[in-house]
Amino acid sequence: MYIVEICRQSAELHNTIIQIRIWVQHRRAEPHSVELAFLRDGKIRFRLQFENASDASAVAQFCHGEVFPEQDVPDALAA
């Protein structure tokens, strides 16, 4: 599994959801899971989990996120 982390300011919640949705529909990708967290510093964090490395890399590039192979997820990101 590959985890994509996308962080934004809370005010960007709506636009980020739309951006991710458009990408997923266009690519016909199927994230294994999607997680949304509201962080203390006024930011939001999306985590999408993909089985396919190319889907993970593509959405990370499109949304300016980062990809972590599941075994390499830093402790701060671990579920």
PDB file of N, CA and C in Angstrom:
ATOM      1  N   MET A   1       0.833  -1.188   0.000  1.00  0.00           N
ATOM      2  CA  MET A   1       0.000   0.000   0.000  1.00  0.00           C
ATOM      3  C   MET A   1       0.875   1.247   0.000  1.00  0.00           C
ATOM      4  N   TYR A   2       0.349   2.286  -0.598  1.00  0.00           N
ATOM      5  CA  TYR A   2       1.032   3.578  -0.662  1.00  0.00           C
ATOM      6  C   TYR A   2       0.094   4.638  -0.117  1.00  0.00           C
ATOM      7  N   ILE A   3       0.600   5.452   0.786  1.00  0.00           N
ATOM      8  CA  ILE A   3      -0.201   6.496   1.411  1.00  0.00           C
ATOM      9  C   ILE A   3       0.194   7.845   0.827  1.00  0.00           C
ATOM     10  N   VAL A   4      -0.811   8.578   0.367  1.00  0.00           N
ATOM     11  CA  VAL A   4      -0.609   9.939  -0.136  1.00  0.00           C
ATOM     12  C   VAL A   4      -1.127  10.886   0.926  1.00  0.00           C
ATOM     13  N   GLU A   5      -0.285  11.817   1.318  1.00  0.00           N
ATOM     14  CA  GLU A   5      -0.686  12.825   2.295  1.00  0.00           C
ATOM     15  C   GLU A   5      -0.729  14.177   1.608  1.00  0.00           C
ATOM     16  N   ILE A   6      -1.865  14.859   1.759  1.00  0.00           N
ATOM     17  CA  ILE A   6      -2.082  16.185   1.180  1.00  0.00           C
ATOM     18  C   ILE A   6      -2.492  17.099   2.325  1.00  0.00           C
ATOM     19  N   CYS A   7      -1.712  18.146   2.563  1.00  0.00           N
ATOM     20  CA  CYS A   7      -2.019  19.106   3.638  1.00  0.00           C
ATOM     21  C   CYS A   7      -2.388  20.450   3.026  1.00  0.00           C
ATOM     22  N   ARG A   8      -3.405  21.054   3.588  1.00  0.00           N
ATOM     23  CA  ARG A   8      -3.876  22.362   3.131  1.00  0.00           C
ATOM     24  C   ARG A   8      -4.359  23.172   4.331  1.00  0.00           C
ATOM     25  N   GLN A   9      -4.593  24.452   4.114  1.00  0.00           N
ATOM     26  CA  GLN A   9      -5.251  25.292   5.102  1.00  0.00           C
ATOM     27  C   GLN A   9      -6.725  24.886   5.159  1.00  0.00           C
ATOM     28  N   SER A  10      -7.340  25.003   6.310  1.00  0.00           N
ATOM     29  CA  SER A  10      -8.746  24.604   6.477  1.00  0.00           C
ATOM     30  C   SER A  10      -9.671  25.295   5.492  1.00  0.00           C
ATOM     31  N   ALA A  11      -9.365  26.533   5.146  1.00  0.00           N
ATOM     32  CA  ALA A  11     -10.202  27.288   4.212  1.00  0.00           C
ATOM     33  C   ALA A  11     -10.232  26.648   2.825  1.00  0.00           C
ATOM     34  N   GLU A  12      -9.273  25.776   2.546  1.00  0.00           N
ATOM     35  CA  GLU A  12      -9.189  25.126   1.234  1.00  0.00           C
ATOM     36  C   GLU A  12      -9.878  23.763   1.202  1.00  0.00           C
ATOM     37  N   LEU A  13     -10.612  23.419   2.241  1.00  0.00           N
ATOM     38  CA  LEU A  13     -11.240  22.098   2.351  1.00  0.00           C
ATOM     39  C   LEU A  13     -12.094  21.778   1.118  1.00  0.00           C
ATOM     40  N   HIS A  14     -13.024  22.646   0.806  1.00  0.00           N
ATOM     41  CA  HIS A  14     -13.957  22.400  -0.306  1.00  0.00           C
ATOM     42  C   HIS A  14     -13.212  22.212  -1.622  1.00  0.00           C
ATOM     43  N   ASN A  15     -12.307  23.124  -1.935  1.00  0.00           N
ATOM     44  CA  ASN A  15     -11.580  23.042  -3.204  1.00  0.00           C
ATOM     45  C   ASN A  15     -10.691  21.809  -3.275  1.00  0.00           C
ATOM     46  N   THR A  16     -10.113  21.419  -2.164  1.00  0.00           N
ATOM     47  CA  THR A  16      -9.252  20.235  -2.151  1.00  0.00           C
ATOM     48  C   THR A  16     -10.071  18.976  -2.374  1.00  0.00           C
ATOM     49  N   ILE A  17     -11.235  18.883  -1.766  1.00  0.00           N
ATOM     50  CA  ILE A  17     -12.110  17.724  -1.985  1.00  0.00           C
ATOM     51  C   ILE A  17     -12.489  17.629  -3.462  1.00  0.00           C
ATOM     52  N   ILE A  18     -12.827  18.748  -4.054  1.00  0.00           N
ATOM     53  CA  ILE A  18     -13.182  18.755  -5.475  1.00  0.00           C
ATOM     54  C   ILE A  18     -11.992  18.327  -6.331  1.00  0.00           C
ATOM     55  N   GLN A  19     -10.818  18.853  -6.026  1.00  0.00           N
ATOM     56  CA  GLN A  19      -9.615  18.524  -6.777  1.00  0.00           C
ATOM     57  C   GLN A  19      -9.331  17.016  -6.717  1.00  0.00           C
ATOM     58  N   ILE A  20      -9.413  16.441  -5.541  1.00  0.00           N
ATOM     59  CA  ILE A  20      -9.170  15.002  -5.382  1.00  0.00           C
ATOM     60  C   ILE A  20     -10.237  14.206  -6.131  1.00  0.00           C
ATOM     61  N   ARG A  21     -11.481  14.606  -5.988  1.00  0.00           N
ATOM     62  CA  ARG A  21     -12.590  13.891  -6.641  1.00  0.00           C
ATOM     63  C   ARG A  21     -12.443  13.901  -8.157  1.00  0.00           C
ATOM     64  N   ILE A  22     -12.114  15.058  -8.712  1.00  0.00           N
ATOM     65  CA  ILE A  22     -11.926  15.161 -10.162  1.00  0.00           C
ATOM     66  C   ILE A  22     -10.803  14.237 -10.616  1.00  0.00           C
ATOM     67  N   TRP A  23      -9.703  14.240  -9.877  1.00  0.00           N
ATOM     68  CA  TRP A  23      -8.571  13.397 -10.261  1.00  0.00           C
ATOM     69  C   TRP A  23      -8.958  11.924 -10.213  1.00  0.00           C
ATOM     70  N   VAL A  24      -9.593  11.485  -9.125  1.00  0.00           N
ATOM     71  CA  VAL A  24      -9.965  10.081  -8.956  1.00  0.00           C
ATOM     72  C   VAL A  24     -10.914   9.646 -10.075  1.00  0.00           C
ATOM     73  N   GLN A  25     -11.902  10.477 -10.401  1.00  0.00           N
ATOM     74  CA  GLN A  25     -12.852  10.124 -11.452  1.00  0.00           C
ATOM     75  C   GLN A  25     -12.167  10.083 -12.816  1.00  0.00           C
ATOM     76  N   HIS A  26     -11.333  11.058 -13.101  1.00  0.00           N
ATOM     77  CA  HIS A  26     -10.653  11.117 -14.394  1.00  0.00           C
ATOM     78  C   HIS A  26      -9.728   9.917 -14.576  1.00  0.00           C
ATOM     79  N   ARG A  27      -9.015   9.568 -13.551  1.00  0.00           N
ATOM     80  CA  ARG A  27      -8.035   8.470 -13.610  1.00  0.00           C
ATOM     81  C   ARG A  27      -8.702   7.114 -13.408  1.00  0.00           C
ATOM     82  N   ARG A  28      -9.941   7.126 -12.932  1.00  0.00           N
ATOM     83  CA  ARG A  28     -10.664   5.898 -12.582  1.00  0.00           C
ATOM     84  C   ARG A  28      -9.898   5.086 -11.550  1.00  0.00           C
ATOM     85  N   ALA A  29      -9.281   5.804 -10.658  1.00  0.00           N
ATOM     86  CA  ALA A  29      -8.523   5.178  -9.574  1.00  0.00           C
ATOM     87  C   ALA A  29      -9.469   4.860  -8.425  1.00  0.00           C
ATOM     88  N   GLU A  30      -9.086   3.901  -7.640  1.00  0.00           N
ATOM     89  CA  GLU A  30      -9.895   3.511  -6.495  1.00  0.00           C
ATOM     90  C   GLU A  30      -9.035   3.503  -5.244  1.00  0.00           C
ATOM     91  N   PRO A  31      -9.071   4.591  -4.479  1.00  0.00           N
ATOM     92  CA  PRO A  31      -8.320   4.570  -3.221  1.00  0.00           C
ATOM     93  C   PRO A  31      -8.899   3.501  -2.299  1.00  0.00           C
ATOM     94  N   HIS A  32      -8.012   2.826  -1.607  1.00  0.00           N
ATOM     95  CA  HIS A  32      -8.428   1.805  -0.640  1.00  0.00           C
ATOM     96  C   HIS A  32      -9.127   2.459   0.553  1.00  0.00           C
ATOM     97  N   SER A  33      -8.610   3.632   0.952  1.00  0.00           N
ATOM     98  CA  SER A  33      -9.237   4.384   2.030  1.00  0.00           C
ATOM     99  C   SER A  33      -8.901   5.859   1.874  1.00  0.00           C
ATOM    100  N   VAL A  34      -9.750   6.683   2.464  1.00  0.00           N
ATOM    101  CA  VAL A  34      -9.555   8.137   2.471  1.00  0.00           C
ATOM    102  C   VAL A  34      -9.793   8.602   3.901  1.00  0.00           C
ATOM    103  N   GLU A  35      -8.869   9.404   4.403  1.00  0.00           N
ATOM    104  CA  GLU A  35      -8.962   9.900   5.776  1.00  0.00           C
ATOM    105  C   GLU A  35      -8.809  11.417   5.752  1.00  0.00           C
ATOM    106  N   LEU A  36      -9.582  12.101   6.561  1.00  0.00           N
ATOM    107  CA  LEU A  36      -9.506  13.551   6.690  1.00  0.00           C
ATOM    108  C   LEU A  36      -9.291  13.874   8.160  1.00  0.00           C
ATOM    109  N   ALA A  37      -8.304  14.722   8.434  1.00  0.00           N
ATOM    110  CA  ALA A  37      -8.033  15.129   9.816  1.00  0.00           C
ATOM    111  C   ALA A  37      -7.924  16.643   9.883  1.00  0.00           C
ATOM    112  N   PHE A  38      -8.519  17.210  10.914  1.00  0.00           N
ATOM    113  CA  PHE A  38      -8.384  18.634  11.184  1.00  0.00           C
ATOM    114  C   PHE A  38      -7.276  18.793  12.222  1.00  0.00           C
ATOM    115  N   LEU A  39      -6.223  19.483  11.847  1.00  0.00           N
ATOM    116  CA  LEU A  39      -5.058  19.621  12.705  1.00  0.00           C
ATOM    117  C   LEU A  39      -5.145  20.895  13.542  1.00  0.00           C
ATOM    118  N   ARG A  40      -4.389  20.947  14.615  1.00  0.00           N
ATOM    119  CA  ARG A  40      -4.440  22.085  15.549  1.00  0.00           C
ATOM    120  C   ARG A  40      -3.976  23.400  14.943  1.00  0.00           C
ATOM    121  N   ASP A  41      -3.116  23.335  13.954  1.00  0.00           N
ATOM    122  CA  ASP A  41      -2.546  24.560  13.396  1.00  0.00           C
ATOM    123  C   ASP A  41      -3.418  25.192  12.312  1.00  0.00           C
ATOM    124  N   GLY A  42      -4.689  24.804  12.244  1.00  0.00           N
ATOM    125  CA  GLY A  42      -5.598  25.384  11.256  1.00  0.00           C
ATOM    126  C   GLY A  42      -5.490  24.739   9.885  1.00  0.00           C
ATOM    127  N   LYS A  43      -4.831  23.604   9.835  1.00  0.00           N
ATOM    128  CA  LYS A  43      -4.688  22.888   8.573  1.00  0.00           C
ATOM    129  C   LYS A  43      -5.551  21.640   8.569  1.00  0.00           C
ATOM    130  N   ILE A  44      -5.735  21.115   7.367  1.00  0.00           N
ATOM    131  CA  ILE A  44      -6.408  19.835   7.193  1.00  0.00           C
ATOM    132  C   ILE A  44      -5.415  18.880   6.536  1.00  0.00           C
ATOM    133  N   ARG A  45      -5.592  17.598   6.818  1.00  0.00           N
ATOM    134  CA  ARG A  45      -4.730  16.593   6.215  1.00  0.00           C
ATOM    135  C   ARG A  45      -5.608  15.495   5.627  1.00  0.00           C
ATOM    136  N   PHE A  46      -5.399  15.266   4.348  1.00  0.00           N
ATOM    137  CA  PHE A  46      -6.033  14.139   3.678  1.00  0.00           C
ATOM    138  C   PHE A  46      -4.999  13.037   3.563  1.00  0.00           C
ATOM    139  N   ARG A  47      -5.414  11.817   3.800  1.00  0.00           N
ATOM    140  CA  ARG A  47      -4.575  10.655   3.517  1.00  0.00           C
ATOM    141  C   ARG A  47      -5.387   9.699   2.658  1.00  0.00           C
ATOM    142  N   LEU A  48      -4.839   9.382   1.512  1.00  0.00           N
ATOM    143  CA  LEU A  48      -5.456   8.427   0.605  1.00  0.00           C
ATOM    144  C   LEU A  48      -4.531   7.232   0.504  1.00  0.00           C
ATOM    145  N   GLN A  49      -5.087   6.048   0.561  1.00  0.00           N
ATOM    146  CA  GLN A  49      -4.280   4.836   0.509  1.00  0.00           C
ATOM    147  C   GLN A  49      -4.584   4.108  -0.800  1.00  0.00           C
ATOM    148  N   PHE A  50      -3.520   3.822  -1.554  1.00  0.00           N
ATOM    149  CA  PHE A  50      -3.636   3.144  -2.840  1.00  0.00           C
ATOM    150  C   PHE A  50      -2.814   1.865  -2.843  1.00  0.00           C
ATOM    151  N   GLU A  51      -3.287   0.854  -3.536  1.00  0.00           N
ATOM    152  CA  GLU A  51      -2.500  -0.360  -3.746  1.00  0.00           C
ATOM    153  C   GLU A  51      -1.478  -0.140  -4.856  1.00  0.00           C
ATOM    154  N   ASN A  52      -1.799   0.731  -5.798  1.00  0.00           N
ATOM    155  CA  ASN A  52      -0.993   0.958  -6.986  1.00  0.00           C
ATOM    156  C   ASN A  52      -0.066   2.160  -6.791  1.00  0.00           C
ATOM    157  N   ALA A  53       1.227   1.944  -6.932  1.00  0.00           N
ATOM    158  CA  ALA A  53       2.205   3.028  -6.744  1.00  0.00           C
ATOM    159  C   ALA A  53       2.041   4.133  -7.774  1.00  0.00           C
ATOM    160  N   SER A  54       1.683   3.779  -9.000  1.00  0.00           N
ATOM    161  CA  SER A  54       1.551   4.821 -10.032  1.00  0.00           C
ATOM    162  C   SER A  54       0.355   5.726  -9.757  1.00  0.00           C
ATOM    163  N   ASP A  55      -0.748   5.182  -9.227  1.00  0.00           N
ATOM    164  CA  ASP A  55      -1.890   6.023  -8.846  1.00  0.00           C
ATOM    165  C   ASP A  55      -1.506   6.945  -7.697  1.00  0.00           C
ATOM    166  N   ALA A  56      -0.802   6.404  -6.723  1.00  0.00           N
ATOM    167  CA  ALA A  56      -0.376   7.212  -5.577  1.00  0.00           C
ATOM    168  C   ALA A  56       0.533   8.348  -6.029  1.00  0.00           C
ATOM    169  N   SER A  57       1.497   8.052  -6.865  1.00  0.00           N
ATOM    170  CA  SER A  57       2.419   9.085  -7.352  1.00  0.00           C
ATOM    171  C   SER A  57       1.701  10.133  -8.178  1.00  0.00           C
ATOM    172  N   ALA A  58       0.769   9.689  -9.000  1.00  0.00           N
ATOM    173  CA  ALA A  58       0.051  10.628  -9.872  1.00  0.00           C
ATOM    174  C   ALA A  58      -0.831  11.591  -9.074  1.00  0.00           C
ATOM    175  N   VAL A  59      -1.578  11.082  -8.085  1.00  0.00           N
ATOM    176  CA  VAL A  59      -2.429  11.980  -7.296  1.00  0.00           C
ATOM    177  C   VAL A  59      -1.575  12.904  -6.434  1.00  0.00           C
ATOM    178  N   ALA A  60      -0.454  12.405  -5.935  1.00  0.00           N
ATOM    179  CA  ALA A  60       0.434  13.253  -5.136  1.00  0.00           C
ATOM    180  C   ALA A  60       0.976  14.396  -5.979  1.00  0.00           C
ATOM    181  N   GLN A  61       1.357  14.103  -7.200  1.00  0.00           N
ATOM    182  CA  GLN A  61       1.867  15.147  -8.088  1.00  0.00           C
ATOM    183  C   GLN A  61       0.764  16.144  -8.438  1.00  0.00           C
ATOM    184  N   PHE A  62      -0.422  15.652  -8.758  1.00  0.00           N
ATOM    185  CA  PHE A  62      -1.540  16.508  -9.151  1.00  0.00           C
ATOM    186  C   PHE A  62      -1.973  17.435  -8.011  1.00  0.00           C
ATOM    187  N   CYS A  63      -1.969  16.907  -6.789  1.00  0.00           N
ATOM    188  CA  CYS A  63      -2.457  17.660  -5.626  1.00  0.00           C
ATOM    189  C   CYS A  63      -1.339  18.222  -4.758  1.00  0.00           C
ATOM    190  N   HIS A  64      -0.105  18.127  -5.222  1.00  0.00           N
ATOM    191  CA  HIS A  64       1.052  18.634  -4.470  1.00  0.00           C
ATOM    192  C   HIS A  64       1.139  17.985  -3.089  1.00  0.00           C
ATOM    193  N   GLY A  65       1.050  16.663  -3.098  1.00  0.00           N
ATOM    194  CA  GLY A  65       1.151  15.900  -1.861  1.00  0.00           C
ATOM    195  C   GLY A  65       2.430  15.092  -1.822  1.00  0.00           C
ATOM    196  N   GLU A  66       2.512  14.198  -0.845  1.00  0.00           N
ATOM    197  CA  GLU A  66       3.665  13.325  -0.677  1.00  0.00           C
ATOM    198  C   GLU A  66       3.200  11.881  -0.636  1.00  0.00           C
ATOM    199  N   VAL A  67       4.054  10.987  -1.138  1.00  0.00           N
ATOM    200  CA  VAL A  67       3.756   9.546  -1.122  1.00  0.00           C
ATOM    201  C   VAL A  67       4.685   8.857  -0.138  1.00  0.00           C
ATOM    202  N   PHE A  68       4.101   7.968   0.657  1.00  0.00           N
ATOM    203  CA  PHE A  68       4.872   7.156   1.592  1.00  0.00           C
ATOM    204  C   PHE A  68       4.476   5.702   1.397  1.00  0.00           C
ATOM    205  N   PRO A  69       5.448   4.807   1.069  1.00  0.00           N
ATOM    206  CA  PRO A  69       5.101   3.393   1.122  1.00  0.00           C
ATOM    207  C   PRO A  69       4.652   3.081   2.547  1.00  0.00           C
ATOM    208  N   GLU A  70       3.662   2.259   2.699  1.00  0.00           N
ATOM    209  CA  GLU A  70       3.059   2.022   4.015  1.00  0.00           C
ATOM    210  C   GLU A  70       4.095   1.674   5.083  1.00  0.00           C
ATOM    211  N   GLN A  71       5.077   0.879   4.747  1.00  0.00           N
ATOM    212  CA  GLN A  71       6.082   0.491   5.742  1.00  0.00           C
ATOM    213  C   GLN A  71       7.017   1.621   6.105  1.00  0.00           C
ATOM    214  N   ASP A  72       7.057   2.691   5.298  1.00  0.00           N
ATOM    215  CA  ASP A  72       7.947   3.813   5.555  1.00  0.00           C
ATOM    216  C   ASP A  72       7.240   5.051   6.107  1.00  0.00           C
ATOM    217  N   VAL A  73       5.974   4.911   6.504  1.00  0.00           N
ATOM    218  CA  VAL A  73       5.227   6.055   7.010  1.00  0.00           C
ATOM    219  C   VAL A  73       5.849   6.502   8.324  1.00  0.00           C
ATOM    220  N   PRO A  74       6.235   7.787   8.428  1.00  0.00           N
ATOM    221  CA  PRO A  74       6.779   8.282   9.707  1.00  0.00           C
ATOM    222  C   PRO A  74       5.766   8.091  10.832  1.00  0.00           C
ATOM    223  N   ASP A  75       6.257   7.934  12.054  1.00  0.00           N
ATOM    224  CA  ASP A  75       5.383   7.702  13.210  1.00  0.00           C
ATOM    225  C   ASP A  75       4.285   8.738  13.322  1.00  0.00           C
ATOM    226  N   ALA A  76       4.586   9.986  12.989  1.00  0.00           N
ATOM    227  CA  ALA A  76       3.596  11.058  13.091  1.00  0.00           C
ATOM    228  C   ALA A  76       2.460  10.845  12.118  1.00  0.00           C
ATOM    229  N   LEU A  77       2.655  10.042  11.068  1.00  0.00           N
ATOM    230  CA  LEU A  77       1.610   9.808  10.076  1.00  0.00           C
ATOM    231  C   LEU A  77       0.883   8.507  10.291  1.00  0.00           C
ATOM    232  N   ALA A  78       1.448   7.631  11.057  1.00  0.00           N
ATOM    233  CA  ALA A  78       0.871   6.297  11.213  1.00  0.00           C
ATOM    234  C   ALA A  78      -0.533   6.372  11.799  1.00  0.00           C
ATOM    235  N   ALA A  79      -1.370   5.493  11.324  1.00  0.00           N
ATOM    236  CA  ALA A  79      -2.768   5.492  11.777  1.00  0.00           C
ATOM    237  C   ALA A  79      -2.868   4.968  13.193  1.00  0.00           C
TER     238      ALA A  79
END
